[in-house]
Amino acid sequence: MKKALKLLIFVILIAGFIYLGKKDYKIDKKKQVINHKTSTVLLDGKSVFTEVNHSKLLSEITEKNANLIFYACVENNKLCALYGNLINEIASNYSISEIYYYDFEKDRKNNNATYQRIITKLSDYLLTDDTGRQNLYSPTLVFIKNGEVYAFDDTLSMYRGNATAKDYYSDEVESERREYLINAFEGYISYE
């Protein structure tokens, strides 16, 4: 009797796992800000971020009269999550409905042609390393207005030292980034 009960429970559990594994979960990417394996940034369940791939981003930023904002990050970067939350808050305050989120890690590693064209578009703003190469670093926020880069912020990507991201992202750093974002969004909205 005990064996039959254990077998029945085991079969029910297996059936449950199979059912859940086949269930189609619909995820609204507009409600997902930045979904990292270790952290998801959400602000009151609302998000201005829409995840895009390299092809979509390149298509958008190379349009003649493009007006958009994109946030370039990599998975598991805690500074991306911390800064992303602040960007989301400020953008929402200025009624910005969409900021593209671009995870460039694989593209940079593969150094694909589309990634290189994105780098070329941003080349005036990117650092050049000792070998003459330019890359995106995480996190980077870019405002494009009328097809040109209006504002560019990779300040947080340059921190070094032994401090953790959370320790580095102090109240003072957040306050500086908040002031920068307010000015950038106000200029972006009013810039013609």
Protein backbone atom coordinates (compact mmCIF):
# COMPACT_ATOMS: atom_id res chain seq x y z
CA MET A 1 0.00 0.00 0.00
CA LYS A 2 2.80 2.42 0.94
CA LYS A 3 4.66 1.58 -2.27
CA ALA A 4 1.54 2.22 -4.35
CA LEU A 5 0.99 5.58 -2.60
CA LYS A 6 4.62 6.61 -3.14
CA LEU A 7 4.40 5.56 -6.79
CA LEU A 8 1.18 7.54 -7.25
CA ILE A 9 2.74 10.67 -5.70
CA PHE A 10 5.83 10.23 -7.88
CA VAL A 11 3.71 9.91 -11.04
CA ILE A 12 1.68 13.01 -10.11
CA LEU A 13 4.87 15.01 -9.54
CA ILE A 14 6.36 13.90 -12.87
CA ALA A 15 3.11 14.74 -14.69
CA GLY A 16 3.09 18.16 -13.01
CA PHE A 17 6.67 18.87 -14.11
CA ILE A 18 5.88 17.80 -17.66
CA TYR A 19 2.78 20.01 -17.73
CA LEU A 20 4.64 23.05 -16.39
CA GLY A 21 7.52 22.45 -18.78
CA LYS A 22 5.21 22.50 -21.79
CA LYS A 23 3.09 25.42 -20.62
CA ASP A 24 3.49 28.51 -22.85
CA TYR A 25 4.36 31.41 -20.60
CA LYS A 26 3.77 34.74 -22.26
CA ILE A 27 6.14 37.43 -21.05
CA ASP A 28 5.39 41.06 -21.75
CA LYS A 29 8.84 42.50 -22.54
CA LYS A 30 7.55 46.02 -21.90
CA LYS A 31 7.00 45.07 -18.25
CA GLN A 32 10.43 43.55 -17.90
CA VAL A 33 13.03 46.19 -17.35
CA ILE A 34 16.30 44.36 -17.22
CA ASN A 35 16.08 40.68 -16.54
CA HIS A 36 19.44 39.49 -15.34
CA LYS A 37 19.94 36.04 -13.88
CA THR A 38 20.70 37.61 -10.52
CA SER A 39 18.48 40.67 -10.57
CA THR A 40 15.41 42.05 -12.26
CA VAL A 41 14.90 45.77 -12.10
CA LEU A 42 11.27 46.72 -11.87
CA LEU A 43 9.72 50.00 -10.88
CA ASP A 44 6.12 49.64 -9.78
CA GLY A 45 5.74 46.94 -12.42
CA LYS A 46 6.16 49.54 -15.19
CA SER A 47 9.03 49.71 -17.60
CA VAL A 48 10.09 51.95 -20.45
CA PHE A 49 12.60 49.33 -21.67
CA THR A 50 12.04 47.17 -24.75
CA GLU A 51 14.72 44.60 -25.50
CA VAL A 52 16.10 44.73 -29.06
CA ASN A 53 18.75 42.75 -30.92
CA HIS A 54 21.69 44.22 -32.79
CA SER A 55 19.91 44.25 -36.16
CA LYS A 56 16.90 46.17 -34.87
CA LEU A 57 19.12 48.64 -33.01
CA LEU A 58 21.33 49.28 -36.05
CA SER A 59 18.28 49.76 -38.25
CA GLU A 60 16.83 52.30 -35.83
CA ILE A 61 19.99 54.32 -35.09
CA THR A 62 20.96 54.66 -38.75
CA GLU A 63 17.62 56.12 -39.86
CA LYS A 64 18.08 59.65 -41.18
CA ASN A 65 15.78 61.35 -38.66
CA ALA A 66 15.92 58.77 -35.86
CA ASN A 67 14.75 59.83 -32.41
CA LEU A 68 15.39 57.20 -29.77
CA ILE A 69 17.18 56.31 -26.60
CA PHE A 70 18.98 53.04 -26.01
CA TYR A 71 20.60 51.45 -23.00
CA ALA A 72 23.48 49.06 -23.73
CA CYS A 73 24.34 46.54 -21.03
CA VAL A 74 25.38 42.98 -20.42
CA GLU A 75 23.72 40.29 -18.39
CA ASN A 76 24.67 40.02 -14.71
CA ASN A 77 26.02 43.56 -14.50
CA LYS A 78 24.68 44.96 -11.25
CA LEU A 79 25.51 48.55 -12.26
CA CYS A 80 23.22 48.06 -15.26
CA ALA A 81 20.43 47.03 -12.95
CA LEU A 82 21.01 49.89 -10.51
CA TYR A 83 21.34 52.57 -13.19
CA GLY A 84 18.52 51.02 -15.23
CA ASN A 85 16.14 51.50 -12.33
CA LEU A 86 17.05 55.19 -12.13
CA ILE A 87 16.74 55.62 -15.91
CA ASN A 88 13.33 53.97 -15.80
CA GLU A 89 12.18 56.29 -13.02
CA ILE A 90 13.39 59.51 -14.67
CA ALA A 91 12.17 58.49 -18.15
CA SER A 92 8.72 57.73 -16.72
CA ASN A 93 8.65 61.18 -15.09
CA TYR A 94 9.24 62.72 -18.54
CA SER A 95 6.63 60.49 -20.21
CA ILE A 96 9.25 58.65 -22.27
CA SER A 97 7.40 55.52 -23.31
CA GLU A 98 10.23 53.46 -24.78
CA ILE A 99 13.96 53.02 -24.34
CA TYR A 100 15.63 50.21 -26.24
CA TYR A 101 17.61 47.76 -24.13
CA TYR A 102 20.51 46.13 -26.00
CA ASP A 103 22.55 43.29 -24.45
CA PHE A 104 25.72 43.47 -26.53
CA GLU A 105 27.83 40.81 -24.80
CA LYS A 106 27.56 38.08 -27.46
CA ASP A 107 27.84 40.56 -30.32
CA ARG A 108 31.02 42.07 -28.91
CA LYS A 109 32.50 38.64 -28.26
CA ASN A 110 31.68 37.51 -31.82
CA ASN A 111 32.65 40.93 -33.20
CA ASN A 112 29.95 40.58 -35.83
CA ALA A 113 29.50 43.11 -38.64
CA THR A 114 26.29 44.55 -37.23
CA TYR A 115 27.96 45.23 -33.88
CA GLN A 116 30.86 46.89 -35.73
CA ARG A 117 28.44 49.17 -37.59
CA ILE A 118 26.90 50.20 -34.24
CA ILE A 119 30.41 50.95 -32.98
CA THR A 120 31.11 53.01 -36.12
CA LYS A 121 27.95 55.07 -35.52
CA LEU A 122 29.14 55.80 -31.96
CA SER A 123 32.87 56.05 -32.69
CA ASP A 124 33.14 59.74 -31.78
CA TYR A 125 31.98 58.90 -28.24
CA LEU A 126 33.69 55.60 -27.51
CA LEU A 127 37.07 55.12 -25.89
CA THR A 128 39.83 53.69 -28.03
CA ASP A 129 42.04 51.08 -26.35
CA ASP A 130 45.80 50.66 -26.79
CA THR A 131 45.26 48.39 -29.81
CA GLY A 132 43.12 51.00 -31.58
CA ARG A 133 39.84 49.14 -31.01
CA GLN A 134 36.60 50.65 -29.78
CA ASN A 135 33.86 48.80 -27.93
CA LEU A 136 30.70 49.39 -25.95
CA TYR A 137 31.10 49.08 -22.20
CA SER A 138 28.42 48.35 -19.68
CA PRO A 139 26.34 50.37 -18.84
CA THR A 140 26.06 52.91 -21.66
CA LEU A 141 23.08 55.17 -22.30
CA VAL A 142 22.71 56.86 -25.71
CA PHE A 143 20.23 59.51 -26.82
CA ILE A 144 19.80 59.92 -30.60
CA LYS A 145 17.91 62.93 -31.89
CA ASN A 146 17.34 63.68 -35.60
CA GLY A 147 19.72 60.86 -36.53
CA GLU A 148 22.64 62.18 -34.48
CA VAL A 149 23.95 61.33 -31.02
CA TYR A 150 22.50 63.95 -28.71
CA ALA A 151 23.83 62.62 -25.39
CA PHE A 152 26.10 59.75 -24.43
CA ASP A 153 26.77 58.38 -20.94
CA ASP A 154 29.19 55.57 -20.15
CA THR A 155 30.42 57.12 -16.90
CA LEU A 156 29.48 54.14 -14.74
CA SER A 157 31.21 51.68 -17.05
CA MET A 158 34.59 53.10 -16.14
CA TYR A 159 34.67 52.41 -12.41
CA ARG A 160 37.58 50.37 -11.14
CA GLY A 161 38.73 49.01 -7.84
CA ASN A 162 37.61 46.47 -5.32
CA ALA A 163 34.26 48.05 -4.45
CA THR A 164 31.19 46.07 -5.36
CA ALA A 165 28.75 47.67 -7.78
CA LYS A 166 26.35 48.39 -4.95
CA ASP A 167 29.11 50.00 -2.86
CA TYR A 168 30.31 52.06 -5.82
CA TYR A 169 26.79 53.17 -6.71
CA SER A 170 26.57 55.36 -3.62
CA ASP A 171 23.96 58.00 -2.88
CA GLU A 172 26.40 60.59 -4.23
CA VAL A 173 26.93 58.71 -7.51
CA GLU A 174 23.18 58.17 -7.87
CA SER A 175 22.57 61.87 -7.25
CA GLU A 176 25.10 62.82 -9.96
CA ARG A 177 23.53 60.38 -12.43
CA ARG A 178 20.03 61.64 -11.51
CA GLU A 179 21.08 65.23 -12.29
CA TYR A 180 22.67 64.11 -15.57
CA LEU A 181 19.53 62.19 -16.59
CA ILE A 182 17.19 65.07 -15.76
CA ASN A 183 19.26 67.42 -17.93
CA ALA A 184 19.58 64.86 -20.73
CA PHE A 185 15.85 64.04 -20.82
CA GLU A 186 14.83 67.71 -20.63
CA GLY A 187 17.20 68.55 -23.49
CA TYR A 188 16.11 65.52 -25.50
CA ILE A 189 12.45 66.47 -25.22
CA SER A 190 12.94 70.15 -26.04
CA TYR A 191 15.74 69.77 -28.62
CA GLU A 192 14.59 70.46 -32.18
